[in-house]
């Protein structure tokens, strides 16, 4: 596989991940913080990192979310789902340092 094919596949994979996350939020109305971060265009590893930081700011923002169950790889895990408006309230408080995280926080704040 040459470099152009590798780059093209990576671009397509990233766009697909972002589009699927955004479609899931549109369909159900609420999603986990990681899904919201994926819909904002972050890669998986960085989306988990930003979601953890956002999770710490939920109490400060006064956002509760909806308790739910997430099914992943045959396991049922407890999770909390948030609407786009709730994520926007959390993202306003979130103050990231990395430039990529700043753009993601701005997208999350504008998503509502």
N, C-alpha and C. Protein backbone atom coordinates (compact mmCIF):
# COMPACT_ATOMS: atom_id res chain seq x y z
N UNK A 1 0.85 -1.17 0.00
CA UNK A 1 0.00 0.00 0.00
C UNK A 1 0.90 1.24 0.00
N UNK A 2 0.64 2.13 -0.91
CA UNK A 2 1.47 3.33 -0.98
C UNK A 2 0.94 4.43 -0.03
N UNK A 3 1.71 5.50 0.08
CA UNK A 3 1.39 6.55 1.05
C UNK A 3 0.08 7.25 0.72
N UNK A 4 -0.20 7.46 -0.55
CA UNK A 4 -1.44 8.15 -0.92
C UNK A 4 -2.66 7.32 -0.52
N UNK A 5 -2.59 6.02 -0.72
CA UNK A 5 -3.70 5.15 -0.34
C UNK A 5 -3.88 5.14 1.18
N UNK A 6 -2.78 5.07 1.89
CA UNK A 6 -2.83 5.07 3.35
C UNK A 6 -3.45 6.36 3.88
N UNK A 7 -3.04 7.49 3.31
CA UNK A 7 -3.59 8.78 3.72
C UNK A 7 -5.08 8.88 3.39
N UNK A 8 -5.45 8.41 2.22
CA UNK A 8 -6.86 8.44 1.82
C UNK A 8 -7.73 7.59 2.72
N UNK A 9 -7.24 6.41 3.06
CA UNK A 9 -8.01 5.54 3.95
C UNK A 9 -8.15 6.14 5.34
N UNK A 10 -7.11 6.77 5.83
CA UNK A 10 -7.16 7.40 7.15
C UNK A 10 -8.18 8.54 7.14
N UNK A 11 -8.16 9.34 6.09
CA UNK A 11 -9.10 10.45 5.97
C UNK A 11 -10.54 9.95 5.94
N UNK A 12 -10.77 8.91 5.15
CA UNK A 12 -12.11 8.34 5.04
C UNK A 12 -12.57 7.75 6.37
N UNK A 13 -11.66 7.06 7.07
CA UNK A 13 -11.99 6.47 8.36
C UNK A 13 -12.34 7.55 9.39
N UNK A 14 -11.59 8.64 9.40
CA UNK A 14 -11.86 9.73 10.34
C UNK A 14 -13.19 10.41 10.04
N UNK A 15 -13.45 10.65 8.76
CA UNK A 15 -14.73 11.28 8.38
C UNK A 15 -15.90 10.39 8.71
N UNK A 16 -15.75 9.09 8.49
CA UNK A 16 -16.82 8.14 8.79
C UNK A 16 -17.12 8.12 10.27
N UNK A 17 -16.08 8.10 11.10
CA UNK A 17 -16.26 8.07 12.55
C UNK A 17 -16.99 9.32 13.02
N UNK A 18 -16.58 10.48 12.51
CA UNK A 18 -17.21 11.74 12.90
C UNK A 18 -18.67 11.78 12.46
N UNK A 19 -18.93 11.34 11.23
CA UNK A 19 -20.30 11.37 10.70
C UNK A 19 -21.21 10.42 11.47
N UNK A 20 -20.72 9.22 11.79
CA UNK A 20 -21.54 8.25 12.53
C UNK A 20 -21.88 8.76 13.93
N UNK A 21 -20.92 9.39 14.59
CA UNK A 21 -21.17 9.93 15.92
C UNK A 21 -22.21 11.05 15.86
N UNK A 22 -22.09 11.92 14.87
CA UNK A 22 -23.06 13.02 14.73
C UNK A 22 -24.44 12.48 14.39
N UNK A 23 -24.51 11.44 13.56
CA UNK A 23 -25.80 10.85 13.21
C UNK A 23 -26.45 10.20 14.42
N UNK A 24 -25.65 9.57 15.27
CA UNK A 24 -26.18 8.94 16.47
C UNK A 24 -26.77 9.98 17.41
N UNK A 25 -26.09 11.13 17.52
CA UNK A 25 -26.60 12.21 18.38
C UNK A 25 -27.90 12.76 17.80
N UNK A 26 -27.96 12.94 16.48
CA UNK A 26 -29.20 13.42 15.85
C UNK A 26 -30.35 12.44 16.04
N UNK A 27 -30.07 11.15 15.92
CA UNK A 27 -31.11 10.13 16.03
C UNK A 27 -31.68 10.05 17.43
N UNK A 28 -30.81 9.95 18.43
CA UNK A 28 -31.26 9.70 19.80
C UNK A 28 -31.43 10.96 20.63
N UNK A 29 -30.79 12.03 20.25
CA UNK A 29 -30.92 13.28 20.99
C UNK A 29 -29.92 13.43 22.13
N UNK A 30 -29.42 12.32 22.64
CA UNK A 30 -28.45 12.37 23.73
C UNK A 30 -27.39 11.30 23.49
N UNK A 31 -26.17 11.56 23.95
CA UNK A 31 -25.08 10.61 23.78
C UNK A 31 -24.07 10.83 24.89
N UNK A 32 -23.11 9.93 24.99
CA UNK A 32 -22.06 10.07 25.98
C UNK A 32 -21.15 11.23 25.59
N UNK A 33 -20.36 11.69 26.53
CA UNK A 33 -19.45 12.80 26.25
C UNK A 33 -18.42 12.42 25.20
N UNK A 34 -17.98 11.17 25.20
CA UNK A 34 -17.01 10.72 24.21
C UNK A 34 -17.61 10.79 22.81
N UNK A 35 -18.86 10.40 22.66
CA UNK A 35 -19.52 10.46 21.36
C UNK A 35 -19.64 11.91 20.88
N UNK A 36 -19.95 12.81 21.79
CA UNK A 36 -20.02 14.23 21.41
C UNK A 36 -18.65 14.73 20.94
N UNK A 37 -17.60 14.28 21.62
CA UNK A 37 -16.24 14.69 21.22
C UNK A 37 -15.85 14.09 19.88
N UNK A 38 -16.26 12.85 19.62
CA UNK A 38 -16.00 12.24 18.31
C UNK A 38 -16.75 13.00 17.21
N UNK A 39 -17.96 13.43 17.50
CA UNK A 39 -18.72 14.20 16.53
C UNK A 39 -18.10 15.57 16.28
N UNK A 40 -17.33 16.06 17.24
CA UNK A 40 -16.64 17.35 17.07
C UNK A 40 -15.37 17.21 16.24
N UNK A 41 -15.00 15.97 15.91
CA UNK A 41 -13.87 15.77 15.02
C UNK A 41 -12.58 15.31 15.68
N UNK A 42 -12.64 14.91 16.94
CA UNK A 42 -11.43 14.44 17.61
C UNK A 42 -11.20 12.95 17.33
N UNK A 43 -9.95 12.52 17.27
CA UNK A 43 -9.67 11.08 17.21
C UNK A 43 -10.08 10.39 18.52
N UNK A 44 -10.17 9.07 18.51
CA UNK A 44 -10.70 8.33 19.65
C UNK A 44 -9.92 8.60 20.94
N UNK A 45 -8.61 8.51 20.88
CA UNK A 45 -7.80 8.67 22.09
C UNK A 45 -7.97 10.07 22.68
N UNK A 46 -7.97 11.08 21.85
CA UNK A 46 -8.11 12.45 22.34
C UNK A 46 -9.55 12.74 22.76
N UNK A 47 -10.52 12.10 22.10
CA UNK A 47 -11.92 12.27 22.50
C UNK A 47 -12.15 11.74 23.91
N UNK A 48 -11.51 10.63 24.24
CA UNK A 48 -11.64 10.09 25.60
C UNK A 48 -11.00 11.02 26.62
N UNK A 49 -9.89 11.62 26.26
CA UNK A 49 -9.21 12.54 27.16
C UNK A 49 -10.05 13.79 27.42
N UNK A 50 -10.59 14.37 26.36
CA UNK A 50 -11.43 15.56 26.50
C UNK A 50 -12.71 15.23 27.26
N UNK A 51 -13.28 14.05 26.99
CA UNK A 51 -14.50 13.65 27.68
C UNK A 51 -14.26 13.53 29.19
N UNK A 52 -13.09 13.02 29.57
CA UNK A 52 -12.77 12.93 30.99
C UNK A 52 -12.67 14.30 31.63
N UNK A 53 -12.09 15.25 30.91
CA UNK A 53 -11.99 16.61 31.43
C UNK A 53 -13.36 17.27 31.50
N UNK A 54 -14.19 17.02 30.51
CA UNK A 54 -15.56 17.57 30.53
C UNK A 54 -16.36 16.97 31.67
N UNK A 55 -16.14 15.69 31.93
CA UNK A 55 -16.86 14.99 32.99
C UNK A 55 -16.57 15.62 34.35
N UNK A 56 -15.36 16.11 34.53
CA UNK A 56 -15.00 16.76 35.80
C UNK A 56 -15.73 18.09 35.97
N UNK A 57 -16.14 18.72 34.87
CA UNK A 57 -16.79 20.03 34.94
C UNK A 57 -18.31 19.95 34.96
N UNK A 58 -18.89 18.74 34.96
CA UNK A 58 -20.35 18.63 34.92
C UNK A 58 -20.99 19.21 36.17
N UNK A 59 -20.43 18.95 37.34
CA UNK A 59 -21.02 19.46 38.58
C UNK A 59 -20.92 20.98 38.63
N UNK A 60 -19.80 21.52 38.15
CA UNK A 60 -19.62 22.97 38.13
C UNK A 60 -20.63 23.64 37.20
N UNK A 61 -20.98 22.96 36.12
CA UNK A 61 -21.94 23.51 35.16
C UNK A 61 -23.38 23.27 35.60
N UNK A 62 -23.58 22.44 36.59
CA UNK A 62 -24.93 22.14 37.06
C UNK A 62 -25.68 21.21 36.13
N UNK A 63 -24.96 20.36 35.43
CA UNK A 63 -25.57 19.44 34.46
C UNK A 63 -25.58 18.05 35.08
N UNK A 64 -26.71 17.37 34.98
CA UNK A 64 -26.85 16.04 35.57
C UNK A 64 -26.74 14.94 34.51
N UNK A 65 -27.40 15.10 33.37
CA UNK A 65 -27.39 14.06 32.35
C UNK A 65 -28.42 12.99 32.65
N UNK A 66 -28.47 11.99 31.78
CA UNK A 66 -29.41 10.89 31.93
C UNK A 66 -28.64 9.60 32.14
N UNK A 67 -28.85 8.90 33.25
CA UNK A 67 -28.16 7.62 33.45
C UNK A 67 -28.65 6.61 32.41
N UNK A 68 -27.74 5.82 31.90
CA UNK A 68 -28.08 4.88 30.86
C UNK A 68 -27.12 3.70 30.90
N UNK A 69 -27.27 2.79 29.94
CA UNK A 69 -26.40 1.63 29.82
C UNK A 69 -25.79 1.65 28.44
N UNK A 70 -24.49 1.45 28.37
CA UNK A 70 -23.78 1.41 27.10
C UNK A 70 -23.32 -0.03 26.87
N UNK A 71 -23.64 -0.57 25.70
CA UNK A 71 -23.25 -1.93 25.36
C UNK A 71 -22.05 -1.89 24.43
N UNK A 72 -20.91 -2.38 24.92
CA UNK A 72 -19.69 -2.36 24.14
C UNK A 72 -18.99 -3.71 24.25
N UNK A 73 -18.70 -4.30 23.13
CA UNK A 73 -17.97 -5.57 23.07
C UNK A 73 -18.58 -6.63 23.97
N UNK A 74 -19.90 -6.74 23.97
CA UNK A 74 -20.57 -7.77 24.75
C UNK A 74 -20.71 -7.46 26.23
N UNK A 75 -20.34 -6.25 26.65
CA UNK A 75 -20.46 -5.87 28.06
C UNK A 75 -21.48 -4.76 28.19
N UNK A 76 -22.15 -4.74 29.32
CA UNK A 76 -23.05 -3.65 29.64
C UNK A 76 -22.36 -2.77 30.68
N UNK A 77 -22.24 -1.48 30.39
CA UNK A 77 -21.56 -0.56 31.32
C UNK A 77 -22.49 0.59 31.63
N UNK A 78 -22.38 1.08 32.86
CA UNK A 78 -23.15 2.26 33.25
C UNK A 78 -22.53 3.49 32.61
N UNK A 79 -23.37 4.37 32.08
CA UNK A 79 -22.87 5.61 31.49
C UNK A 79 -23.89 6.71 31.73
N UNK A 80 -23.52 7.91 31.37
CA UNK A 80 -24.42 9.05 31.46
C UNK A 80 -24.45 9.71 30.09
N UNK A 81 -25.64 9.96 29.61
CA UNK A 81 -25.81 10.57 28.29
C UNK A 81 -26.24 12.02 28.47
N UNK A 82 -25.75 12.87 27.57
CA UNK A 82 -26.01 14.30 27.64
C UNK A 82 -26.55 14.79 26.31
N UNK A 83 -27.43 15.78 26.35
CA UNK A 83 -27.91 16.40 25.13
C UNK A 83 -26.86 17.39 24.64
N UNK A 84 -27.03 17.88 23.43
CA UNK A 84 -26.07 18.83 22.87
C UNK A 84 -26.07 20.14 23.67
N UNK A 85 -27.23 20.55 24.16
CA UNK A 85 -27.30 21.77 24.96
C UNK A 85 -26.55 21.62 26.28
N UNK A 86 -26.66 20.44 26.90
CA UNK A 86 -25.94 20.21 28.15
C UNK A 86 -24.44 20.19 27.92
N UNK A 87 -24.01 19.58 26.83
CA UNK A 87 -22.58 19.53 26.50
C UNK A 87 -22.07 20.93 26.23
N UNK A 88 -22.88 21.76 25.59
CA UNK A 88 -22.47 23.14 25.32
C UNK A 88 -22.27 23.90 26.63
N UNK A 89 -23.14 23.66 27.62
CA UNK A 89 -22.97 24.32 28.92
C UNK A 89 -21.68 23.88 29.61
N UNK A 90 -21.34 22.61 29.46
CA UNK A 90 -20.11 22.10 30.06
C UNK A 90 -18.90 22.64 29.32
N UNK A 91 -18.98 22.70 27.99
CA UNK A 91 -17.84 23.13 27.16
C UNK A 91 -17.49 24.60 27.40
N UNK A 92 -18.45 25.40 27.81
CA UNK A 92 -18.17 26.81 28.08
C UNK A 92 -17.22 26.94 29.29
N UNK A 93 -17.37 26.05 30.26
CA UNK A 93 -16.53 26.08 31.45
C UNK A 93 -15.15 25.48 31.18
N UNK A 94 -15.09 24.49 30.27
CA UNK A 94 -13.86 23.75 29.97
C UNK A 94 -12.81 24.68 29.36
N UNK A 95 -11.61 24.71 29.93
CA UNK A 95 -10.51 25.55 29.46
C UNK A 95 -9.29 24.70 29.08
N UNK A 96 -9.27 24.17 27.85
CA UNK A 96 -8.14 23.33 27.45
C UNK A 96 -6.91 24.15 27.08
N UNK A 97 -5.76 23.49 27.06
CA UNK A 97 -4.51 24.16 26.71
C UNK A 97 -4.08 23.84 25.29
N UNK A 98 -4.28 22.61 24.85
CA UNK A 98 -3.86 22.22 23.51
C UNK A 98 -4.74 22.91 22.46
N UNK A 99 -4.15 23.40 21.39
CA UNK A 99 -4.94 24.08 20.36
C UNK A 99 -6.02 23.19 19.73
N UNK A 100 -5.71 21.91 19.57
CA UNK A 100 -6.69 21.00 18.98
C UNK A 100 -7.89 20.82 19.91
N UNK A 101 -7.63 20.78 21.21
CA UNK A 101 -8.71 20.65 22.18
C UNK A 101 -9.54 21.94 22.24
N UNK A 102 -8.88 23.08 22.03
CA UNK A 102 -9.61 24.36 22.03
C UNK A 102 -10.62 24.42 20.88
N UNK A 103 -10.20 23.97 19.71
CA UNK A 103 -11.13 23.98 18.57
C UNK A 103 -12.28 23.01 18.82
N UNK A 104 -11.98 21.86 19.42
CA UNK A 104 -13.03 20.89 19.74
C UNK A 104 -14.00 21.46 20.76
N UNK A 105 -13.49 22.17 21.77
CA UNK A 105 -14.36 22.79 22.77
C UNK A 105 -15.24 23.86 22.14
N UNK A 106 -14.70 24.60 21.19
CA UNK A 106 -15.50 25.60 20.50
C UNK A 106 -16.60 24.95 19.67
N UNK A 107 -16.29 23.84 19.02
CA UNK A 107 -17.31 23.11 18.24
C UNK A 107 -18.39 22.55 19.15
N UNK A 108 -17.99 22.04 20.31
CA UNK A 108 -18.97 21.51 21.24
C UNK A 108 -19.88 22.62 21.78
N UNK A 109 -19.30 23.78 22.02
CA UNK A 109 -20.11 24.89 22.53
C UNK A 109 -21.09 25.41 21.47
N UNK A 110 -20.71 25.31 20.20
CA UNK A 110 -21.58 25.79 19.13
C UNK A 110 -22.58 24.73 18.65
N UNK A 111 -22.43 23.50 19.09
CA UNK A 111 -23.27 22.43 18.60
C UNK A 111 -24.72 22.56 19.06
N UNK A 112 -24.95 23.26 20.14
CA UNK A 112 -26.32 23.35 20.69
C UNK A 112 -27.17 24.34 19.97
